[in-house]
N, C-alpha and C. Protein backbone atom coordinates (compact mmCIF):
# COMPACT_ATOMS: atom_id res chain seq x y z
N MET A 1 19.89 0.68 -11.95
CA MET A 1 18.47 0.91 -12.13
C MET A 1 17.97 -0.03 -13.22
N SER A 2 16.86 -0.71 -12.99
CA SER A 2 16.36 -1.66 -13.97
C SER A 2 15.51 -0.99 -15.03
N SER A 3 15.43 -1.63 -16.17
CA SER A 3 14.63 -1.12 -17.28
C SER A 3 13.21 -1.60 -17.15
N PRO A 4 12.25 -0.86 -17.72
CA PRO A 4 10.87 -1.35 -17.70
C PRO A 4 10.77 -2.62 -18.53
N PRO A 5 9.80 -3.48 -18.22
CA PRO A 5 9.65 -4.71 -18.99
C PRO A 5 9.39 -4.40 -20.45
N THR A 6 9.93 -5.23 -21.32
CA THR A 6 9.73 -5.02 -22.75
C THR A 6 8.48 -5.73 -23.26
N GLU A 7 8.00 -6.69 -22.49
CA GLU A 7 6.79 -7.41 -22.89
C GLU A 7 5.76 -7.28 -21.78
N PRO A 8 4.47 -7.28 -22.14
CA PRO A 8 3.44 -7.19 -21.10
C PRO A 8 3.45 -8.43 -20.22
N GLY A 9 2.90 -8.28 -19.03
CA GLY A 9 2.80 -9.39 -18.10
C GLY A 9 1.80 -10.42 -18.58
N PRO A 10 1.56 -11.43 -17.77
CA PRO A 10 0.63 -12.48 -18.19
C PRO A 10 -0.78 -11.93 -18.36
N PRO A 11 -1.55 -12.52 -19.26
CA PRO A 11 -2.92 -12.04 -19.48
C PRO A 11 -3.81 -12.34 -18.28
N THR A 12 -4.88 -11.59 -18.18
CA THR A 12 -5.87 -11.85 -17.13
C THR A 12 -6.54 -13.18 -17.43
N PRO A 13 -6.71 -14.04 -16.44
CA PRO A 13 -7.37 -15.33 -16.68
C PRO A 13 -8.78 -15.12 -17.25
N ALA A 14 -9.17 -15.98 -18.16
CA ALA A 14 -10.47 -15.86 -18.82
C ALA A 14 -11.63 -15.90 -17.83
N ASP A 15 -11.46 -16.60 -16.70
CA ASP A 15 -12.56 -16.71 -15.74
C ASP A 15 -12.54 -15.60 -14.69
N SER A 16 -11.68 -14.62 -14.83
CA SER A 16 -11.62 -13.52 -13.87
C SER A 16 -12.86 -12.65 -14.02
N PRO A 17 -13.51 -12.29 -12.90
CA PRO A 17 -14.70 -11.44 -12.99
C PRO A 17 -14.36 -10.00 -13.36
N LEU A 18 -13.13 -9.57 -13.12
CA LEU A 18 -12.72 -8.20 -13.42
C LEU A 18 -11.41 -8.20 -14.19
N ARG A 19 -11.30 -7.27 -15.09
CA ARG A 19 -10.05 -7.06 -15.82
C ARG A 19 -9.35 -5.85 -15.20
N LEU A 20 -8.08 -5.70 -15.43
CA LEU A 20 -7.34 -4.58 -14.88
C LEU A 20 -7.98 -3.26 -15.28
N GLY A 21 -8.40 -3.13 -16.53
CA GLY A 21 -9.05 -1.90 -16.99
C GLY A 21 -10.33 -1.60 -16.22
N ASP A 22 -11.08 -2.65 -15.86
CA ASP A 22 -12.30 -2.47 -15.07
C ASP A 22 -11.97 -1.85 -13.71
N VAL A 23 -10.95 -2.39 -13.08
CA VAL A 23 -10.58 -1.92 -11.75
C VAL A 23 -10.02 -0.51 -11.81
N MET A 24 -9.11 -0.24 -12.73
CA MET A 24 -8.46 1.06 -12.80
C MET A 24 -9.42 2.17 -13.19
N SER A 25 -10.45 1.87 -13.96
CA SER A 25 -11.38 2.91 -14.41
C SER A 25 -12.58 3.08 -13.48
N SER A 26 -12.73 2.23 -12.50
CA SER A 26 -13.89 2.28 -11.61
C SER A 26 -13.63 3.18 -10.41
N PRO A 27 -14.49 4.18 -10.17
CA PRO A 27 -14.32 4.99 -8.97
C PRO A 27 -14.43 4.16 -7.69
N PHE A 28 -15.27 3.12 -7.72
CA PHE A 28 -15.42 2.27 -6.53
C PHE A 28 -14.10 1.61 -6.16
N TYR A 29 -13.47 0.97 -7.12
CA TYR A 29 -12.22 0.28 -6.83
C TYR A 29 -11.07 1.25 -6.64
N GLY A 30 -11.08 2.37 -7.32
CA GLY A 30 -10.04 3.38 -7.15
C GLY A 30 -10.03 3.92 -5.74
N ASN A 31 -11.21 4.07 -5.16
CA ASN A 31 -11.31 4.59 -3.80
C ASN A 31 -10.78 3.60 -2.76
N LEU A 32 -10.68 2.34 -3.12
CA LEU A 32 -10.14 1.36 -2.18
C LEU A 32 -8.64 1.51 -2.01
N MET A 33 -7.99 2.17 -2.97
CA MET A 33 -6.54 2.29 -2.93
C MET A 33 -6.06 3.37 -1.97
N ALA A 34 -6.87 4.37 -1.70
CA ALA A 34 -6.45 5.47 -0.84
C ALA A 34 -7.54 5.78 0.17
N PRO A 35 -7.24 5.66 1.45
CA PRO A 35 -8.26 5.98 2.45
C PRO A 35 -8.58 7.47 2.43
N GLU A 36 -9.80 7.79 2.76
CA GLU A 36 -10.21 9.19 2.83
C GLU A 36 -9.91 9.70 4.22
N VAL A 37 -8.94 10.58 4.32
CA VAL A 37 -8.57 11.17 5.60
C VAL A 37 -8.52 12.67 5.45
N GLU A 38 -8.71 13.33 6.55
CA GLU A 38 -8.67 14.80 6.60
C GLU A 38 -7.57 15.22 7.56
N PRO A 39 -7.06 16.43 7.39
CA PRO A 39 -6.07 16.92 8.36
C PRO A 39 -6.63 16.83 9.78
N GLY A 40 -5.83 16.34 10.68
CA GLY A 40 -6.25 16.20 12.07
C GLY A 40 -6.84 14.84 12.41
N ASP A 41 -7.18 14.03 11.38
CA ASP A 41 -7.68 12.69 11.66
C ASP A 41 -6.57 11.86 12.30
N PRO A 42 -6.92 10.98 13.23
CA PRO A 42 -5.88 10.12 13.80
C PRO A 42 -5.36 9.14 12.75
N ALA A 43 -4.10 8.81 12.86
CA ALA A 43 -3.49 7.86 11.93
C ALA A 43 -4.00 6.45 12.21
N TYR A 44 -4.02 5.63 11.18
CA TYR A 44 -4.36 4.23 11.36
C TYR A 44 -3.22 3.55 12.11
N GLY A 45 -3.56 2.75 13.08
CA GLY A 45 -2.54 2.05 13.85
C GLY A 45 -1.86 0.98 13.01
N PHE A 46 -0.65 0.66 13.37
CA PHE A 46 0.06 -0.44 12.72
C PHE A 46 0.88 -1.18 13.76
N ASP A 47 1.18 -2.41 13.45
CA ASP A 47 1.98 -3.28 14.30
C ASP A 47 2.77 -4.16 13.34
N LEU A 48 4.06 -3.83 13.14
CA LEU A 48 4.87 -4.48 12.11
C LEU A 48 6.11 -5.13 12.72
N PRO A 49 6.57 -6.24 12.12
CA PRO A 49 7.80 -6.85 12.61
C PRO A 49 9.01 -6.02 12.20
N LEU A 50 10.03 -5.99 13.06
CA LEU A 50 11.29 -5.35 12.70
C LEU A 50 11.99 -6.20 11.64
N LEU A 51 12.79 -5.57 10.81
CA LEU A 51 13.46 -6.29 9.73
C LEU A 51 14.35 -7.41 10.24
N ASP A 52 14.97 -7.23 11.39
CA ASP A 52 15.85 -8.27 11.92
C ASP A 52 15.08 -9.36 12.68
N GLY A 53 13.76 -9.20 12.78
CA GLY A 53 12.93 -10.20 13.45
C GLY A 53 13.01 -10.17 14.97
N ALA A 54 13.70 -9.18 15.52
CA ALA A 54 13.93 -9.14 16.97
C ALA A 54 12.91 -8.28 17.71
N GLY A 55 11.73 -8.17 17.20
CA GLY A 55 10.72 -7.38 17.89
C GLY A 55 9.71 -6.82 16.91
N ARG A 56 8.94 -5.85 17.40
CA ARG A 56 7.89 -5.25 16.58
C ARG A 56 7.94 -3.75 16.77
N VAL A 57 7.34 -3.02 15.85
CA VAL A 57 7.20 -1.57 15.97
C VAL A 57 5.72 -1.25 15.82
N ARG A 58 5.21 -0.41 16.71
CA ARG A 58 3.79 -0.06 16.73
C ARG A 58 3.65 1.46 16.72
N LEU A 59 2.64 1.94 16.06
CA LEU A 59 2.39 3.37 16.04
C LEU A 59 2.25 3.91 17.46
N GLU A 60 1.54 3.18 18.29
CA GLU A 60 1.29 3.65 19.66
C GLU A 60 2.59 3.86 20.44
N ASP A 61 3.68 3.20 20.03
CA ASP A 61 4.97 3.38 20.71
C ASP A 61 5.53 4.79 20.52
N PHE A 62 5.07 5.50 19.49
CA PHE A 62 5.60 6.83 19.17
C PHE A 62 4.62 7.95 19.50
N ALA A 63 3.48 7.62 20.08
CA ALA A 63 2.43 8.62 20.34
C ALA A 63 2.99 9.81 21.12
N GLY A 64 2.84 10.99 20.56
CA GLY A 64 3.25 12.21 21.21
C GLY A 64 4.75 12.44 21.28
N GLU A 65 5.55 11.56 20.70
CA GLU A 65 7.00 11.70 20.78
C GLU A 65 7.63 12.32 19.54
N ARG A 66 7.31 11.77 18.38
CA ARG A 66 7.93 12.25 17.15
C ARG A 66 7.08 11.85 15.95
N PRO A 67 7.29 12.50 14.81
CA PRO A 67 6.53 12.13 13.61
C PRO A 67 6.93 10.74 13.13
N VAL A 68 6.00 10.07 12.48
CA VAL A 68 6.24 8.75 11.91
C VAL A 68 5.84 8.80 10.44
N ALA A 69 6.68 8.29 9.57
CA ALA A 69 6.36 8.20 8.14
C ALA A 69 6.49 6.75 7.71
N LEU A 70 5.45 6.24 7.07
CA LEU A 70 5.48 4.90 6.49
C LEU A 70 5.60 5.07 4.99
N VAL A 71 6.55 4.40 4.39
CA VAL A 71 6.74 4.48 2.95
C VAL A 71 6.63 3.07 2.40
N PHE A 72 5.68 2.87 1.51
CA PHE A 72 5.50 1.58 0.88
C PHE A 72 5.81 1.74 -0.59
N GLY A 73 6.58 0.85 -1.13
CA GLY A 73 6.91 0.93 -2.54
C GLY A 73 7.91 -0.14 -2.91
N SER A 74 8.25 -0.16 -4.16
CA SER A 74 9.21 -1.12 -4.66
C SER A 74 10.48 -0.39 -5.05
N TYR A 75 11.57 -0.84 -4.54
CA TYR A 75 12.86 -0.22 -4.84
C TYR A 75 13.72 -1.18 -5.66
N THR A 76 13.08 -1.91 -6.55
CA THR A 76 13.83 -2.86 -7.37
C THR A 76 14.18 -2.26 -8.70
């Protein structure tokens, strides 16, 4: 398991219109991170390459067959 960085990352460029604090504290930008869905809403479709590059996987391929879970994150 890796340790958290001991030093902060690179600074925001001086010509950037937004700083990280602006984005994280803004309800407008915060809402962009998580779609608003309700129970029973249809899932957003996806079409992704298989890890071995030998095909693709699509949500529609599993319709009515079994649950599908997408997990996005960093495991480093």
